[in-house]
Amino acid sequence: MDRASDSITLNIAEGTGKHTGKDKARYYDIARGSALESASCLDNMEVREMISNATMIEGKIILKEIVSMLFGLIKSVTDRAYEPEEDYEIE
């Protein structure tokens, strides 16, 4: 979890320092993947009874917001085409 969550902020920082939209989007994509990996870590931690279900849900709500913000960053620096967003269930 530490590695995955650190990767989110480190890749956002590195992407921000890049000059082209394509380079920025690459790092924002990696950060988005790390956020999704962090959500998986929360699942694993709950199964292993390291955290409660409520804590897992709270963490996933935060990560969903982070992923949404990263999609916005990616869209702002590229001209990629995206399919319509689908609602993601936390539980």
PDB file of N, CA and C in Angstrom:
ATOM      1  N   MET A   1       0.831  -1.187   0.000  1.00  0.00           N
ATOM      2  CA  MET A   1       0.000   0.000   0.000  1.00  0.00           C
ATOM      3  C   MET A   1       0.873   1.248   0.000  1.00  0.00           C
ATOM      4  N   ASP A   2       1.941   1.236   0.782  1.00  0.00           N
ATOM      5  CA  ASP A   2       2.820   2.406   0.828  1.00  0.00           C
ATOM      6  C   ASP A   2       3.406   2.701  -0.549  1.00  0.00           C
ATOM      7  N   ARG A   3       3.894   1.663  -1.216  1.00  0.00           N
ATOM      8  CA  ARG A   3       4.513   1.856  -2.525  1.00  0.00           C
ATOM      9  C   ARG A   3       3.500   2.381  -3.543  1.00  0.00           C
ATOM     10  N   ALA A   4       2.311   1.776  -3.578  1.00  0.00           N
ATOM     11  CA  ALA A   4       1.289   2.178  -4.537  1.00  0.00           C
ATOM     12  C   ALA A   4       0.821   3.606  -4.275  1.00  0.00           C
ATOM     13  N   SER A   5       0.585   3.958  -3.019  1.00  0.00           N
ATOM     14  CA  SER A   5       0.091   5.309  -2.718  1.00  0.00           C
ATOM     15  C   SER A   5       1.181   6.361  -2.938  1.00  0.00           C
ATOM     16  N   ASP A   6       2.437   6.033  -2.629  1.00  0.00           N
ATOM     17  CA  ASP A   6       3.526   6.973  -2.916  1.00  0.00           C
ATOM     18  C   ASP A   6       3.655   7.214  -4.414  1.00  0.00           C
ATOM     19  N   SER A   7       3.436   6.174  -5.188  1.00  0.00           N
ATOM     20  CA  SER A   7       3.557   6.283  -6.642  1.00  0.00           C
ATOM     21  C   SER A   7       2.546   7.274  -7.227  1.00  0.00           C
ATOM     22  N   ILE A   8       1.389   7.394  -6.601  1.00  0.00           N
ATOM     23  CA  ILE A   8       0.382   8.352  -7.088  1.00  0.00           C
ATOM     24  C   ILE A   8       0.963   9.761  -7.076  1.00  0.00           C
ATOM     25  N   THR A   9       1.402  10.201  -5.919  1.00  0.00           N
ATOM     26  CA  THR A   9       1.884  11.583  -5.804  1.00  0.00           C
ATOM     27  C   THR A   9       3.182  11.804  -6.566  1.00  0.00           C
ATOM     28  N   LEU A  10       4.064  10.825  -6.561  1.00  0.00           N
ATOM     29  CA  LEU A  10       5.342  10.992  -7.259  1.00  0.00           C
ATOM     30  C   LEU A  10       5.148  11.109  -8.766  1.00  0.00           C
ATOM     31  N   ASN A  11       4.225  10.338  -9.328  1.00  0.00           N
ATOM     32  CA  ASN A  11       3.981  10.423 -10.768  1.00  0.00           C
ATOM     33  C   ASN A  11       3.234  11.695 -11.155  1.00  0.00           C
ATOM     34  N   ILE A  12       2.356  12.177 -10.296  1.00  0.00           N
ATOM     35  CA  ILE A  12       1.712  13.466 -10.568  1.00  0.00           C
ATOM     36  C   ILE A  12       2.772  14.563 -10.592  1.00  0.00           C
ATOM     37  N   ALA A  13       3.652  14.552  -9.608  1.00  0.00           N
ATOM     38  CA  ALA A  13       4.714  15.568  -9.550  1.00  0.00           C
ATOM     39  C   ALA A  13       5.611  15.487 -10.775  1.00  0.00           C
ATOM     40  N   GLU A  14       6.000  14.283 -11.149  1.00  0.00           N
ATOM     41  CA  GLU A  14       6.886  14.147 -12.305  1.00  0.00           C
ATOM     42  C   GLU A  14       6.187  14.560 -13.592  1.00  0.00           C
ATOM     43  N   GLY A  15       4.920  14.194 -13.734  1.00  0.00           N
ATOM     44  CA  GLY A  15       4.166  14.585 -14.926  1.00  0.00           C
ATOM     45  C   GLY A  15       4.001  16.086 -15.038  1.00  0.00           C
ATOM     46  N   THR A  16       3.798  16.742 -13.919  1.00  0.00           N
ATOM     47  CA  THR A  16       3.633  18.196 -13.915  1.00  0.00           C
ATOM     48  C   THR A  16       4.872  18.897 -14.455  1.00  0.00           C
ATOM     49  N   GLY A  17       6.031  18.288 -14.248  1.00  0.00           N
ATOM     50  CA  GLY A  17       7.279  18.889 -14.712  1.00  0.00           C
ATOM     51  C   GLY A  17       7.587  18.652 -16.183  1.00  0.00           C
ATOM     52  N   LYS A  18       6.787  17.850 -16.864  1.00  0.00           N
ATOM     53  CA  LYS A  18       7.029  17.566 -18.282  1.00  0.00           C
ATOM     54  C   LYS A  18       6.464  18.686 -19.148  1.00  0.00           C
ATOM     55  N   HIS A  19       6.992  18.796 -20.365  1.00  0.00           N
ATOM     56  CA  HIS A  19       6.617  19.917 -21.226  1.00  0.00           C
ATOM     57  C   HIS A  19       5.504  19.593 -22.215  1.00  0.00           C
ATOM     58  N   THR A  20       5.436  18.368 -22.696  1.00  0.00           N
ATOM     59  CA  THR A  20       4.400  18.053 -23.682  1.00  0.00           C
ATOM     60  C   THR A  20       3.217  17.362 -23.013  1.00  0.00           C
ATOM     61  N   GLY A  21       2.048  17.529 -23.621  1.00  0.00           N
ATOM     62  CA  GLY A  21       0.852  16.888 -23.102  1.00  0.00           C
ATOM     63  C   GLY A  21       0.978  15.380 -23.078  1.00  0.00           C
ATOM     64  N   LYS A  22       1.610  14.825 -24.115  1.00  0.00           N
ATOM     65  CA  LYS A  22       1.777  13.380 -24.189  1.00  0.00           C
ATOM     66  C   LYS A  22       2.627  12.876 -23.024  1.00  0.00           C
ATOM     67  N   ASP A  23       3.717  13.585 -22.713  1.00  0.00           N
ATOM     68  CA  ASP A  23       4.565  13.194 -21.581  1.00  0.00           C
ATOM     69  C   ASP A  23       3.811  13.327 -20.258  1.00  0.00           C
ATOM     70  N   LYS A  24       3.088  14.432 -20.093  1.00  0.00           N
ATOM     71  CA  LYS A  24       2.321  14.627 -18.867  1.00  0.00           C
ATOM     72  C   LYS A  24       1.297  13.503 -18.696  1.00  0.00           C
ATOM     73  N   ALA A  25       0.575  13.197 -19.775  1.00  0.00           N
ATOM     74  CA  ALA A  25      -0.475  12.174 -19.715  1.00  0.00           C
ATOM     75  C   ALA A  25       0.101  10.813 -19.342  1.00  0.00           C
ATOM     76  N   ARG A  26       1.299  10.519 -19.811  1.00  0.00           N
ATOM     77  CA  ARG A  26       1.935   9.230 -19.492  1.00  0.00           C
ATOM     78  C   ARG A  26       2.087   9.078 -17.971  1.00  0.00           C
ATOM     79  N   TYR A  27       2.574  10.112 -17.315  1.00  0.00           N
ATOM     80  CA  TYR A  27       2.765  10.040 -15.859  1.00  0.00           C
ATOM     81  C   TYR A  27       1.438  10.069 -15.112  1.00  0.00           C
ATOM     82  N   TYR A  28       0.472  10.828 -15.627  1.00  0.00           N
ATOM     83  CA  TYR A  28      -0.840  10.838 -14.994  1.00  0.00           C
ATOM     84  C   TYR A  28      -1.520   9.475 -15.131  1.00  0.00           C
ATOM     85  N   ASP A  29      -1.290   8.795 -16.272  1.00  0.00           N
ATOM     86  CA  ASP A  29      -1.805   7.439 -16.454  1.00  0.00           C
ATOM     87  C   ASP A  29      -1.200   6.479 -15.432  1.00  0.00           C
ATOM     88  N   ILE A  30       0.089   6.601 -15.213  1.00  0.00           N
ATOM     89  CA  ILE A  30       0.757   5.746 -14.224  1.00  0.00           C
ATOM     90  C   ILE A  30       0.199   6.018 -12.832  1.00  0.00           C
ATOM     91  N   ALA A  31      -0.015   7.291 -12.515  1.00  0.00           N
ATOM     92  CA  ALA A  31      -0.593   7.659 -11.220  1.00  0.00           C
ATOM     93  C   ALA A  31      -1.992   7.068 -11.070  1.00  0.00           C
ATOM     94  N   ARG A  32      -2.771   7.105 -12.158  1.00  0.00           N
ATOM     95  CA  ARG A  32      -4.122   6.531 -12.125  1.00  0.00           C
ATOM     96  C   ARG A  32      -4.049   5.026 -11.864  1.00  0.00           C
ATOM     97  N   GLY A  33      -3.115   4.346 -12.516  1.00  0.00           N
ATOM     98  CA  GLY A  33      -2.931   2.918 -12.280  1.00  0.00           C
ATOM     99  C   GLY A  33      -2.544   2.634 -10.842  1.00  0.00           C
ATOM    100  N   SER A  34      -1.717   3.492 -10.274  1.00  0.00           N
ATOM    101  CA  SER A  34      -1.313   3.319  -8.877  1.00  0.00           C
ATOM    102  C   SER A  34      -2.486   3.539  -7.927  1.00  0.00           C
ATOM    103  N   ALA A  35      -3.396   4.445  -8.287  1.00  0.00           N
ATOM    104  CA  ALA A  35      -4.592   4.653  -7.462  1.00  0.00           C
ATOM    105  C   ALA A  35      -5.479   3.412  -7.500  1.00  0.00           C
ATOM    106  N   LEU A  36      -5.610   2.817  -8.675  1.00  0.00           N
ATOM    107  CA  LEU A  36      -6.400   1.587  -8.784  1.00  0.00           C
ATOM    108  C   LEU A  36      -5.719   0.437  -8.034  1.00  0.00           C
ATOM    109  N   GLU A  37      -4.404   0.403  -8.090  1.00  0.00           N
ATOM    110  CA  GLU A  37      -3.649  -0.597  -7.327  1.00  0.00           C
ATOM    111  C   GLU A  37      -3.868  -0.390  -5.823  1.00  0.00           C
ATOM    112  N   SER A  38      -3.918   0.852  -5.392  1.00  0.00           N
ATOM    113  CA  SER A  38      -4.166   1.154  -3.982  1.00  0.00           C
ATOM    114  C   SER A  38      -5.537   0.642  -3.547  1.00  0.00           C
ATOM    115  N   ALA A  39      -6.532   0.759  -4.439  1.00  0.00           N
ATOM    116  CA  ALA A  39      -7.870   0.239  -4.125  1.00  0.00           C
ATOM    117  C   ALA A  39      -7.819  -1.275  -3.932  1.00  0.00           C
ATOM    118  N   SER A  40      -7.037  -1.938  -4.761  1.00  0.00           N
ATOM    119  CA  SER A  40      -6.877  -3.382  -4.606  1.00  0.00           C
ATOM    120  C   SER A  40      -6.193  -3.721  -3.280  1.00  0.00           C
ATOM    121  N   CYS A  41      -5.230  -2.907  -2.896  1.00  0.00           N
ATOM    122  CA  CYS A  41      -4.564  -3.113  -1.598  1.00  0.00           C
ATOM    123  C   CYS A  41      -5.564  -3.003  -0.459  1.00  0.00           C
ATOM    124  N   LEU A  42      -6.508  -2.057  -0.574  1.00  0.00           N
ATOM    125  CA  LEU A  42      -7.539  -1.927   0.465  1.00  0.00           C
ATOM    126  C   LEU A  42      -8.381  -3.191   0.553  1.00  0.00           C
ATOM    127  N   ASP A  43      -8.728  -3.762  -0.611  1.00  0.00           N
ATOM    128  CA  ASP A  43      -9.481  -5.024  -0.613  1.00  0.00           C
ATOM    129  C   ASP A  43      -8.704  -6.114   0.122  1.00  0.00           C
ATOM    130  N   ASN A  44      -7.423  -6.234  -0.216  1.00  0.00           N
ATOM    131  CA  ASN A  44      -6.586  -7.257   0.414  1.00  0.00           C
ATOM    132  C   ASN A  44      -6.488  -7.046   1.921  1.00  0.00           C
ATOM    133  N   MET A  45      -6.340  -5.792   2.322  1.00  0.00           N
ATOM    134  CA  MET A  45      -6.219  -5.494   3.747  1.00  0.00           C
ATOM    135  C   MET A  45      -7.502  -5.827   4.500  1.00  0.00           C
ATOM    136  N   GLU A  46      -8.647  -5.588   3.857  1.00  0.00           N
ATOM    137  CA  GLU A  46      -9.909  -5.918   4.515  1.00  0.00           C
ATOM    138  C   GLU A  46     -10.065  -7.434   4.641  1.00  0.00           C
ATOM    139  N   VAL A  47      -9.752  -8.161   3.581  1.00  0.00           N
ATOM    140  CA  VAL A  47      -9.854  -9.624   3.619  1.00  0.00           C
ATOM    141  C   VAL A  47      -8.960 -10.200   4.714  1.00  0.00           C
ATOM    142  N   ARG A  48      -7.798  -9.604   4.900  1.00  0.00           N
ATOM    143  CA  ARG A  48      -6.866 -10.074   5.930  1.00  0.00           C
ATOM    144  C   ARG A  48      -7.188  -9.519   7.321  1.00  0.00           C
ATOM    145  N   GLU A  49      -8.308  -8.786   7.386  1.00  0.00           N
ATOM    146  CA  GLU A  49      -8.795  -8.202   8.634  1.00  0.00           C
ATOM    147  C   GLU A  49      -7.795  -7.224   9.255  1.00  0.00           C
ATOM    148  N   MET A  50      -7.079  -6.523   8.396  1.00  0.00           N
ATOM    149  CA  MET A  50      -6.149  -5.492   8.849  1.00  0.00           C
ATOM    150  C   MET A  50      -6.875  -4.156   8.987  1.00  0.00           C
ATOM    151  N   ILE A  51      -7.981  -3.989   8.236  1.00  0.00           N
ATOM    152  CA  ILE A  51      -8.811  -2.787   8.315  1.00  0.00           C
ATOM    153  C   ILE A  51     -10.273  -3.227   8.298  1.00  0.00           C
ATOM    154  N   SER A  52     -11.134  -2.339   8.755  1.00  0.00           N
ATOM    155  CA  SER A  52     -12.568  -2.638   8.758  1.00  0.00           C
ATOM    156  C   SER A  52     -13.165  -2.366   7.380  1.00  0.00           C
ATOM    157  N   ASN A  53     -14.364  -2.885   7.180  1.00  0.00           N
ATOM    158  CA  ASN A  53     -15.076  -2.629   5.932  1.00  0.00           C
ATOM    159  C   ASN A  53     -15.314  -1.138   5.757  1.00  0.00           C
ATOM    160  N   ALA A  54     -15.651  -0.450   6.841  1.00  0.00           N
ATOM    161  CA  ALA A  54     -15.908   0.993   6.779  1.00  0.00           C
ATOM    162  C   ALA A  54     -14.651   1.759   6.343  1.00  0.00           C
ATOM    163  N   THR A  55     -13.504   1.353   6.849  1.00  0.00           N
ATOM    164  CA  THR A  55     -12.248   2.006   6.473  1.00  0.00           C
ATOM    165  C   THR A  55     -11.938   1.749   5.008  1.00  0.00           C
ATOM    166  N   MET A  56     -12.192   0.522   4.543  1.00  0.00           N
ATOM    167  CA  MET A  56     -11.971   0.189   3.142  1.00  0.00           C
ATOM    168  C   MET A  56     -12.850   1.043   2.247  1.00  0.00           C
ATOM    169  N   ILE A  57     -14.119   1.172   2.602  1.00  0.00           N
ATOM    170  CA  ILE A  57     -15.047   1.974   1.797  1.00  0.00           C
ATOM    171  C   ILE A  57     -14.627   3.439   1.794  1.00  0.00           C
ATOM    172  N   GLU A  58     -14.259   3.964   2.943  1.00  0.00           N
ATOM    173  CA  GLU A  58     -13.805   5.357   3.028  1.00  0.00           C
ATOM    174  C   GLU A  58     -12.582   5.584   2.126  1.00  0.00           C
ATOM    175  N   GLY A  59     -11.642   4.659   2.160  1.00  0.00           N
ATOM    176  CA  GLY A  59     -10.455   4.769   1.313  1.00  0.00           C
ATOM    177  C   GLY A  59     -10.801   4.714  -0.152  1.00  0.00           C
ATOM    178  N   LYS A  60     -11.729   3.846  -0.528  1.00  0.00           N
ATOM    179  CA  LYS A  60     -12.114   3.739  -1.940  1.00  0.00           C
ATOM    180  C   LYS A  60     -12.847   4.981  -2.424  1.00  0.00           C
ATOM    181  N   ILE A  61     -13.608   5.615  -1.561  1.00  0.00           N
ATOM    182  CA  ILE A  61     -14.280   6.863  -1.938  1.00  0.00           C
ATOM    183  C   ILE A  61     -13.236   7.929  -2.258  1.00  0.00           C
ATOM    184  N   ILE A  62     -12.216   8.016  -1.436  1.00  0.00           N
ATOM    185  CA  ILE A  62     -11.129   8.976  -1.670  1.00  0.00           C
ATOM    186  C   ILE A  62     -10.395   8.637  -2.963  1.00  0.00           C
ATOM    187  N   LEU A  63     -10.094   7.360  -3.171  1.00  0.00           N
ATOM    188  CA  LEU A  63      -9.383   6.954  -4.382  1.00  0.00           C
ATOM    189  C   LEU A  63     -10.217   7.189  -5.634  1.00  0.00           C
ATOM    190  N   LYS A  64     -11.537   7.012  -5.529  1.00  0.00           N
ATOM    191  CA  LYS A  64     -12.403   7.289  -6.684  1.00  0.00           C
ATOM    192  C   LYS A  64     -12.303   8.769  -7.074  1.00  0.00           C
ATOM    193  N   GLU A  65     -12.258   9.638  -6.091  1.00  0.00           N
ATOM    194  CA  GLU A  65     -12.097  11.070  -6.368  1.00  0.00           C
ATOM    195  C   GLU A  65     -10.741  11.357  -7.014  1.00  0.00           C
ATOM    196  N   ILE A  66      -9.701  10.689  -6.537  1.00  0.00           N
ATOM    197  CA  ILE A  66      -8.363  10.873  -7.101  1.00  0.00           C
ATOM    198  C   ILE A  66      -8.336  10.417  -8.556  1.00  0.00           C
ATOM    199  N   VAL A  67      -8.917   9.248  -8.841  1.00  0.00           N
ATOM    200  CA  VAL A  67      -8.958   8.742 -10.215  1.00  0.00           C
ATOM    201  C   VAL A  67      -9.728   9.710 -11.114  1.00  0.00           C
ATOM    202  N   SER A  68     -10.826  10.251 -10.621  1.00  0.00           N
ATOM    203  CA  SER A  68     -11.607  11.221 -11.402  1.00  0.00           C
ATOM    204  C   SER A  68     -10.787  12.470 -11.702  1.00  0.00           C
ATOM    205  N   MET A  69     -10.051  12.949 -10.709  1.00  0.00           N
ATOM    206  CA  MET A  69      -9.206  14.124 -10.926  1.00  0.00           C
ATOM    207  C   MET A  69      -8.095  13.824 -11.933  1.00  0.00           C
ATOM    208  N   LEU A  70      -7.537  12.627 -11.858  1.00  0.00           N
ATOM    209  CA  LEU A  70      -6.486  12.255 -12.805  1.00  0.00           C
ATOM    210  C   LEU A  70      -7.038  12.156 -14.224  1.00  0.00           C
ATOM    211  N   PHE A  71      -8.255  11.624 -14.386  1.00  0.00           N
ATOM    212  CA  PHE A  71      -8.885  11.619 -15.707  1.00  0.00           C
ATOM    213  C   PHE A  71      -9.016  13.052 -16.225  1.00  0.00           C
ATOM    214  N   GLY A  72      -9.407  13.968 -15.349  1.00  0.00           N
ATOM    215  CA  GLY A  72      -9.514  15.373 -15.748  1.00  0.00           C
ATOM    216  C   GLY A  72      -8.176  15.941 -16.185  1.00  0.00           C
ATOM    217  N   LEU A  73      -7.118  15.618 -15.447  1.00  0.00           N
ATOM    218  CA  LEU A  73      -5.780  16.077 -15.835  1.00  0.00           C
ATOM    219  C   LEU A  73      -5.382  15.512 -17.191  1.00  0.00           C
ATOM    220  N   ILE A  74      -5.635  14.229 -17.390  1.00  0.00           N
ATOM    221  CA  ILE A  74      -5.280  13.587 -18.662  1.00  0.00           C
ATOM    222  C   ILE A  74      -6.053  14.237 -19.805  1.00  0.00           C
ATOM    223  N   LYS A  75      -7.348  14.438 -19.600  1.00  0.00           N
ATOM    224  CA  LYS A  75      -8.168  15.076 -20.640  1.00  0.00           C
ATOM    225  C   LYS A  75      -7.699  16.494 -20.941  1.00  0.00           C
ATOM    226  N   SER A  76      -7.177  17.183 -19.930  1.00  0.00           N
ATOM    227  CA  SER A  76      -6.769  18.574 -20.135  1.00  0.00           C
ATOM    228  C   SER A  76      -5.467  18.706 -20.936  1.00  0.00           C
ATOM    229  N   VAL A  77      -4.686  17.637 -21.002  1.00  0.00           N
ATOM    230  CA  VAL A  77      -3.390  17.730 -21.699  1.00  0.00           C
ATOM    231  C   VAL A  77      -3.335  16.900 -22.972  1.00  0.00           C
ATOM    232  N   THR A  78      -4.408  16.152 -23.293  1.00  0.00           N
ATOM    233  CA  THR A  78      -4.422  15.339 -24.513  1.00  0.00           C
ATOM    234  C   THR A  78      -5.744  15.512 -25.235  1.00  0.00           C
ATOM    235  N   ASP A  79      -5.792  14.966 -26.430  1.00  0.00           N
ATOM    236  CA  ASP A  79      -7.032  14.998 -27.208  1.00  0.00           C
ATOM    237  C   ASP A  79      -7.582  13.582 -27.394  1.00  0.00           C
ATOM    238  N   ARG A  80      -7.355  12.739 -26.398  1.00  0.00           N
ATOM    239  CA  ARG A  80      -7.845  11.357 -26.461  1.00  0.00           C
ATOM    240  C   ARG A  80      -9.365  11.320 -26.500  1.00  0.00           C
ATOM    241  N   ALA A  81      -9.878  10.292 -27.160  1.00  0.00           N
ATOM    242  CA  ALA A  81     -11.318  10.054 -27.158  1.00  0.00           C
ATOM    243  C   ALA A  81     -11.640   9.056 -26.054  1.00  0.00           C
ATOM    244  N   TYR A  82     -12.695   9.314 -25.321  1.00  0.00           N
ATOM    245  CA  TYR A  82     -13.091   8.442 -24.214  1.00  0.00           C
ATOM    246  C   TYR A  82     -14.526   7.987 -24.404  1.00  0.00           C
ATOM    247  N   GLU A  83     -14.812   6.783 -23.926  1.00  0.00           N
ATOM    248  CA  GLU A  83     -16.183   6.306 -23.913  1.00  0.00           C
ATOM    249  C   GLU A  83     -16.898   6.958 -22.744  1.00  0.00           C
ATOM    250  N   PRO A  84     -18.221   7.006 -22.784  1.00  0.00           N
ATOM    251  CA  PRO A  84     -18.964   7.619 -21.679  1.00  0.00           C
ATOM    252  C   PRO A  84     -18.619   6.951 -20.348  1.00  0.00           C
ATOM    253  N   GLU A  85     -18.581   7.762 -19.290  1.00  0.00           N
ATOM    254  CA  GLU A  85     -18.258   7.261 -17.962  1.00  0.00           C
ATOM    255  C   GLU A  85     -19.379   6.381 -17.439  1.00  0.00           C
ATOM    256  N   GLU A  86     -18.981   5.304 -16.753  1.00  0.00           N
ATOM    257  CA  GLU A  86     -19.947   4.463 -16.081  1.00  0.00           C
ATOM    258  C   GLU A  86     -19.792   4.649 -14.593  1.00  0.00           C
ATOM    259  N   ASP A  87     -20.882   4.487 -13.872  1.00  0.00           N
ATOM    260  CA  ASP A  87     -20.839   4.633 -12.426  1.00  0.00           C
ATOM    261  C   ASP A  87     -20.126   3.444 -11.817  1.00  0.00           C
ATOM    262  N   TYR A  88     -19.239   3.702 -10.887  1.00  0.00           N
ATOM    263  CA  TYR A  88     -18.455   2.684 -10.221  1.00  0.00           C
ATOM    264  C   TYR A  88     -18.996   2.470  -8.823  1.00  0.00           C
ATOM    265  N   GLU A  89     -19.320   1.229  -8.514  1.00  0.00           N
ATOM    266  CA  GLU A  89     -19.825   0.890  -7.194  1.00  0.00           C
ATOM    267  C   GLU A  89     -18.664   0.652  -6.242  1.00  0.00           C
ATOM    268  N   ILE A  90     -18.676   1.281  -5.078  1.00  0.00           N
ATOM    269  CA  ILE A  90     -17.603   1.161  -4.100  1.00  0.00           C
ATOM    270  C   ILE A  90     -17.631  -0.192  -3.400  1.00  0.00           C
ATOM    271  N   GLU A  91     -18.786  -0.650  -2.982  1.00  0.00           N
ATOM    272  CA  GLU A  91     -18.863  -1.879  -2.183  1.00  0.00           C
ATOM    273  C   GLU A  91     -18.702  -3.089  -3.018  1.00  0.00           C
TER     274      GLU A  91
END
